[in-house]
Amino acid sequence: MSPISAHHRFRDPRSTKYDFLTSVLVRCPTCDKAAHVVPGPELVGVLDPDLFSPRRLVCRNCGTAMKRGPGSVALHRDPNEPATDPYFGVRLWLQTETRHGWIWAYDLEHLDLIKRFVQASLREGIPWRDHGRKMTVVARLPAWMQQTRNREEVLRAIARIHASLLRS
């Protein structure tokens, strides 16, 4: 039996959805092109901005700029509806619908993590005794995304998401 190559092996990096909120790709509410939700100007240079810190939505296409002060964040969403960003409630750019449900990501790094997990033939999770093992991004993926029989469909959907970014 030959050893499994690194390309076919996935080890859970213990990333949570909070790790991908530094720069969120969204649809501009004005022009419907790609825009970014980033930390407010007072946090420029801060490596790890607080989840509840001020944010701004910036669209380089039409010049739309919105500010949001510190406060609550809405991370919960309906799995049967398009995903929205937790700060302004606008639709995420990196998402598509499949026959099973929605595939979405906050940024390209988040999408890449999902892709690496789905395409891996060996998926190593966090040991059952570790605290927080059910809070990682890959541990919380829907069951249909984790099933081998849906691998090709999920990877095609991720390719569609990448293509939509190139078109914008």
C-alpha atoms as a PDB file:
ATOM      1  CA  MET A   1       0.000   0.000   0.000  1.00  0.00           C
ATOM      2  CA  SER A   2       1.465   3.347  -1.035  1.00  0.00           C
ATOM      3  CA  PRO A   3       1.507   6.312   1.353  1.00  0.00           C
ATOM      4  CA  ILE A   4      -1.074   9.017   0.795  1.00  0.00           C
ATOM      5  CA  SER A   5       0.410  12.171  -0.695  1.00  0.00           C
ATOM      6  CA  ALA A   6       0.020  15.555   0.967  1.00  0.00           C
ATOM      7  CA  HIS A   7      -2.405  16.587  -1.809  1.00  0.00           C
ATOM      8  CA  HIS A   8      -4.858  13.874  -0.788  1.00  0.00           C
ATOM      9  CA  ARG A   9      -4.509  14.396   2.966  1.00  0.00           C
ATOM     10  CA  PHE A  10      -6.289  17.117   4.906  1.00  0.00           C
ATOM     11  CA  ARG A  11      -5.583  17.999   8.524  1.00  0.00           C
ATOM     12  CA  ASP A  12      -8.024  20.317  10.230  1.00  0.00           C
ATOM     13  CA  PRO A  13      -6.122  23.563  10.917  1.00  0.00           C
ATOM     14  CA  ARG A  14      -8.650  24.387  13.667  1.00  0.00           C
ATOM     15  CA  SER A  15      -9.829  27.516  11.870  1.00  0.00           C
ATOM     16  CA  THR A  16     -13.170  28.953  12.884  1.00  0.00           C
ATOM     17  CA  LYS A  17     -15.388  31.269  10.850  1.00  0.00           C
ATOM     18  CA  TYR A  18     -14.134  34.155  12.985  1.00  0.00           C
ATOM     19  CA  ASP A  19     -10.668  33.697  11.466  1.00  0.00           C
ATOM     20  CA  PHE A  20     -11.986  34.800   8.056  1.00  0.00           C
ATOM     21  CA  LEU A  21     -13.760  38.035   9.010  1.00  0.00           C
ATOM     22  CA  THR A  22     -10.846  40.434   8.487  1.00  0.00           C
ATOM     23  CA  SER A  23     -11.814  41.119   4.867  1.00  0.00           C
ATOM     24  CA  VAL A  24     -15.179  39.829   3.643  1.00  0.00           C
ATOM     25  CA  LEU A  25     -16.080  39.847  -0.067  1.00  0.00           C
ATOM     26  CA  VAL A  26     -19.663  41.033  -0.606  1.00  0.00           C
ATOM     27  CA  ARG A  27     -21.967  42.277  -3.361  1.00  0.00           C
ATOM     28  CA  CYS A  28     -22.071  46.064  -3.384  1.00  0.00           C
ATOM     29  CA  PRO A  29     -25.607  47.164  -2.456  1.00  0.00           C
ATOM     30  CA  THR A  30     -25.352  49.984  -5.039  1.00  0.00           C
ATOM     31  CA  CYS A  31     -23.793  48.466  -8.179  1.00  0.00           C
ATOM     32  CA  ASP A  32     -23.944  44.687  -7.463  1.00  0.00           C
ATOM     33  CA  LYS A  33     -20.177  44.290  -8.113  1.00  0.00           C
ATOM     34  CA  ALA A  34     -17.587  42.861  -5.713  1.00  0.00           C
ATOM     35  CA  ALA A  35     -16.910  44.982  -2.630  1.00  0.00           C
ATOM     36  CA  HIS A  36     -15.037  44.465   0.650  1.00  0.00           C
ATOM     37  CA  VAL A  37     -16.031  44.729   4.290  1.00  0.00           C
ATOM     38  CA  VAL A  38     -12.867  45.626   6.181  1.00  0.00           C
ATOM     39  CA  PRO A  39     -11.918  46.934   9.637  1.00  0.00           C
ATOM     40  CA  GLY A  40     -12.493  50.645  10.152  1.00  0.00           C
ATOM     41  CA  PRO A  41      -9.733  53.165   9.389  1.00  0.00           C
ATOM     42  CA  GLU A  42      -8.828  53.466  13.069  1.00  0.00           C
ATOM     43  CA  LEU A  43      -7.755  49.790  12.976  1.00  0.00           C
ATOM     44  CA  VAL A  44      -5.369  50.013  10.019  1.00  0.00           C
ATOM     45  CA  GLY A  45      -2.245  48.058  10.910  1.00  0.00           C
ATOM     46  CA  VAL A  46      -3.923  46.027  13.655  1.00  0.00           C
ATOM     47  CA  LEU A  47      -3.153  42.379  12.886  1.00  0.00           C
ATOM     48  CA  ASP A  48      -6.170  40.829  14.578  1.00  0.00           C
ATOM     49  CA  PRO A  49      -9.092  43.275  14.841  1.00  0.00           C
ATOM     50  CA  ASP A  50     -11.772  42.476  17.370  1.00  0.00           C
ATOM     51  CA  LEU A  51     -14.918  40.756  16.055  1.00  0.00           C
ATOM     52  CA  PHE A  52     -17.046  43.655  17.303  1.00  0.00           C
ATOM     53  CA  SER A  53     -14.782  46.480  16.129  1.00  0.00           C
ATOM     54  CA  PRO A  54     -15.954  49.151  13.640  1.00  0.00           C
ATOM     55  CA  ARG A  55     -16.148  48.076   9.975  1.00  0.00           C
ATOM     56  CA  ARG A  56     -16.590  49.737   6.626  1.00  0.00           C
ATOM     57  CA  LEU A  57     -17.917  48.532   3.299  1.00  0.00           C
ATOM     58  CA  VAL A  58     -15.897  49.775   0.327  1.00  0.00           C
ATOM     59  CA  CYS A  59     -16.651  49.302  -3.372  1.00  0.00           C
ATOM     60  CA  ARG A  60     -13.880  50.231  -5.771  1.00  0.00           C
ATOM     61  CA  ASN A  61     -16.241  50.035  -8.739  1.00  0.00           C
ATOM     62  CA  CYS A  62     -18.821  52.692  -7.828  1.00  0.00           C
ATOM     63  CA  GLY A  63     -17.193  54.338  -4.817  1.00  0.00           C
ATOM     64  CA  THR A  64     -19.795  53.264  -2.287  1.00  0.00           C
ATOM     65  CA  ALA A  65     -18.507  53.556   1.266  1.00  0.00           C
ATOM     66  CA  MET A  66     -20.483  52.691   4.386  1.00  0.00           C
ATOM     67  CA  LYS A  67     -19.417  52.769   8.025  1.00  0.00           C
ATOM     68  CA  ARG A  68     -20.598  50.678  10.926  1.00  0.00           C
ATOM     69  CA  GLY A  69     -19.606  51.405  14.492  1.00  0.00           C
ATOM     70  CA  PRO A  70     -18.716  48.831  17.111  1.00  0.00           C
ATOM     71  CA  GLY A  71     -21.536  46.583  18.182  1.00  0.00           C
ATOM     72  CA  SER A  72     -23.335  43.332  17.622  1.00  0.00           C
ATOM     73  CA  VAL A  73     -22.596  40.873  14.843  1.00  0.00           C
ATOM     74  CA  ALA A  74     -25.202  38.606  13.186  1.00  0.00           C
ATOM     75  CA  LEU A  75     -23.456  35.307  12.383  1.00  0.00           C
ATOM     76  CA  HIS A  76     -26.540  33.118  12.268  1.00  0.00           C
ATOM     77  CA  ARG A  77     -28.216  32.562   8.935  1.00  0.00           C
ATOM     78  CA  ASP A  78     -30.853  30.416   7.272  1.00  0.00           C
ATOM     79  CA  PRO A  79     -29.134  27.529   5.411  1.00  0.00           C
ATOM     80  CA  ASN A  80     -31.839  27.707   2.725  1.00  0.00           C
ATOM     81  CA  GLU A  81     -31.162  31.356   1.916  1.00  0.00           C
ATOM     82  CA  PRO A  82     -28.155  33.177   0.423  1.00  0.00           C
ATOM     83  CA  ALA A  83     -25.490  34.011   3.001  1.00  0.00           C
ATOM     84  CA  THR A  84     -24.933  37.587   4.174  1.00  0.00           C
ATOM     85  CA  ASP A  85     -22.002  39.288   5.822  1.00  0.00           C
ATOM     86  CA  PRO A  86     -22.285  39.641   9.609  1.00  0.00           C
ATOM     87  CA  TYR A  87     -21.767  43.412   9.694  1.00  0.00           C
ATOM     88  CA  PHE A  88     -23.930  45.059   7.007  1.00  0.00           C
ATOM     89  CA  GLY A  89     -26.240  42.170   6.104  1.00  0.00           C
ATOM     90  CA  VAL A  90     -25.397  42.342   2.376  1.00  0.00           C
ATOM     91  CA  ARG A  91     -25.011  39.201   0.278  1.00  0.00           C
ATOM     92  CA  LEU A  92     -21.651  37.482   0.169  1.00  0.00           C
ATOM     93  CA  TRP A  93     -19.890  37.425  -3.199  1.00  0.00           C
ATOM     94  CA  LEU A  94     -18.347  33.977  -2.768  1.00  0.00           C
ATOM     95  CA  GLN A  95     -21.424  31.788  -2.821  1.00  0.00           C
ATOM     96  CA  THR A  96     -23.514  29.625  -5.087  1.00  0.00           C
ATOM     97  CA  GLU A  97     -26.516  27.375  -4.748  1.00  0.00           C
ATOM     98  CA  THR A  98     -26.420  23.643  -5.434  1.00  0.00           C
ATOM     99  CA  ARG A  99     -29.214  21.096  -5.400  1.00  0.00           C
ATOM    100  CA  HIS A 100     -28.289  20.283  -1.787  1.00  0.00           C
ATOM    101  CA  GLY A 101     -27.892  23.804  -0.431  1.00  0.00           C
ATOM    102  CA  TRP A 102     -25.665  26.859  -0.465  1.00  0.00           C
ATOM    103  CA  ILE A 103     -21.863  26.861  -0.559  1.00  0.00           C
ATOM    104  CA  TRP A 104     -20.417  30.120   0.732  1.00  0.00           C
ATOM    105  CA  ALA A 105     -17.214  31.647   2.059  1.00  0.00           C
ATOM    106  CA  TYR A 106     -16.205  34.973   3.571  1.00  0.00           C
ATOM    107  CA  ASP A 107     -12.948  35.284   1.603  1.00  0.00           C
ATOM    108  CA  LEU A 108     -10.707  33.321  -0.757  1.00  0.00           C
ATOM    109  CA  GLU A 109      -8.756  31.749   2.097  1.00  0.00           C
ATOM    110  CA  HIS A 110     -12.015  30.431   3.573  1.00  0.00           C
ATOM    111  CA  LEU A 111     -13.067  29.062   0.164  1.00  0.00           C
ATOM    112  CA  ASP A 112      -9.649  27.438  -0.309  1.00  0.00           C
ATOM    113  CA  LEU A 113      -9.949  25.693   3.065  1.00  0.00           C
ATOM    114  CA  ILE A 114     -13.315  24.233   2.054  1.00  0.00           C
ATOM    115  CA  LYS A 115     -11.924  23.157  -1.327  1.00  0.00           C
ATOM    116  CA  ARG A 116      -8.890  21.428   0.213  1.00  0.00           C
ATOM    117  CA  PHE A 117     -11.162  19.581   2.642  1.00  0.00           C
ATOM    118  CA  VAL A 118     -13.607  18.435  -0.046  1.00  0.00           C
ATOM    119  CA  GLN A 119     -10.974  17.240  -2.525  1.00  0.00           C
ATOM    120  CA  ALA A 120      -8.962  15.301   0.085  1.00  0.00           C
ATOM    121  CA  SER A 121      -9.377  11.534   0.156  1.00  0.00           C
ATOM    122  CA  LEU A 122      -8.069  11.355   3.735  1.00  0.00           C
ATOM    123  CA  ARG A 123      -9.541  13.873   6.168  1.00  0.00           C
ATOM    124  CA  GLU A 124      -8.008  14.055   9.609  1.00  0.00           C
ATOM    125  CA  GLY A 125     -10.164  15.797  12.157  1.00  0.00           C
ATOM    126  CA  ILE A 126      -9.380  16.968  15.643  1.00  0.00           C
ATOM    127  CA  PRO A 127      -9.266  14.203  18.286  1.00  0.00           C
ATOM    128  CA  TRP A 128     -12.584  13.720  20.069  1.00  0.00           C
ATOM    129  CA  ARG A 129     -11.115  14.686  23.434  1.00  0.00           C
ATOM    130  CA  ASP A 130      -9.950  18.136  22.297  1.00  0.00           C
ATOM    131  CA  HIS A 131     -11.953  21.123  23.438  1.00  0.00           C
ATOM    132  CA  GLY A 132     -13.636  23.052  20.621  1.00  0.00           C
ATOM    133  CA  ARG A 133     -13.362  20.292  18.019  1.00  0.00           C
ATOM    134  CA  LYS A 134     -16.915  20.886  16.800  1.00  0.00           C
ATOM    135  CA  MET A 135     -16.387  24.614  16.318  1.00  0.00           C
ATOM    136  CA  THR A 136     -13.947  24.471  13.388  1.00  0.00           C
ATOM    137  CA  VAL A 137     -15.049  25.439   9.883  1.00  0.00           C
ATOM    138  CA  VAL A 138     -14.672  21.937   8.452  1.00  0.00           C
ATOM    139  CA  ALA A 139     -16.338  20.251  11.428  1.00  0.00           C
ATOM    140  CA  ARG A 140     -19.389  22.454  10.893  1.00  0.00           C
ATOM    141  CA  LEU A 141     -19.749  21.870   7.151  1.00  0.00           C
ATOM    142  CA  PRO A 142     -23.088  20.322   6.218  1.00  0.00           C
ATOM    143  CA  ALA A 143     -23.108  16.518   5.930  1.00  0.00           C
ATOM    144  CA  TRP A 144     -23.848  16.651   2.190  1.00  0.00           C
ATOM    145  CA  MET A 145     -20.602  18.608   1.600  1.00  0.00           C
ATOM    146  CA  GLN A 146     -18.623  15.997   3.513  1.00  0.00           C
ATOM    147  CA  GLN A 147     -19.927  13.021   1.561  1.00  0.00           C
ATOM    148  CA  THR A 148     -17.658  11.528  -1.082  1.00  0.00           C
ATOM    149  CA  ARG A 149     -20.531  11.056  -3.530  1.00  0.00           C
ATOM    150  CA  ASN A 150     -21.042  14.851  -3.664  1.00  0.00           C
ATOM    151  CA  ARG A 151     -17.333  15.704  -4.046  1.00  0.00           C
ATOM    152  CA  GLU A 152     -17.431  16.491  -7.776  1.00  0.00           C
ATOM    153  CA  GLU A 153     -20.577  18.607  -7.476  1.00  0.00           C
ATOM    154  CA  VAL A 154     -19.109  20.645  -4.605  1.00  0.00           C
ATOM    155  CA  LEU A 155     -15.809  21.157  -6.452  1.00  0.00           C
ATOM    156  CA  ARG A 156     -17.709  22.316  -9.575  1.00  0.00           C
ATOM    157  CA  ALA A 157     -19.642  24.783  -7.425  1.00  0.00           C
ATOM    158  CA  ILE A 158     -16.398  26.108  -5.936  1.00  0.00           C
ATOM    159  CA  ALA A 159     -15.016  26.505  -9.466  1.00  0.00           C
ATOM    160  CA  ARG A 160     -18.147  28.540 -10.361  1.00  0.00           C
ATOM    161  CA  ILE A 161     -17.520  30.774  -7.365  1.00  0.00           C
ATOM    162  CA  HIS A 162     -13.904  31.359  -8.479  1.00  0.00           C
ATOM    163  CA  ALA A 163     -15.106  32.114 -12.022  1.00  0.00           C
ATOM    164  CA  SER A 164     -17.593  34.705 -10.715  1.00  0.00           C
ATOM    165  CA  LEU A 165     -14.730  36.535  -9.025  1.00  0.00           C
ATOM    166  CA  LEU A 166     -12.707  36.611 -12.229  1.00  0.00           C
ATOM    167  CA  ARG A 167     -15.688  38.056 -14.141  1.00  0.00           C
ATOM    168  CA  SER A 168     -16.160  40.919 -11.695  1.00  0.00           C
END
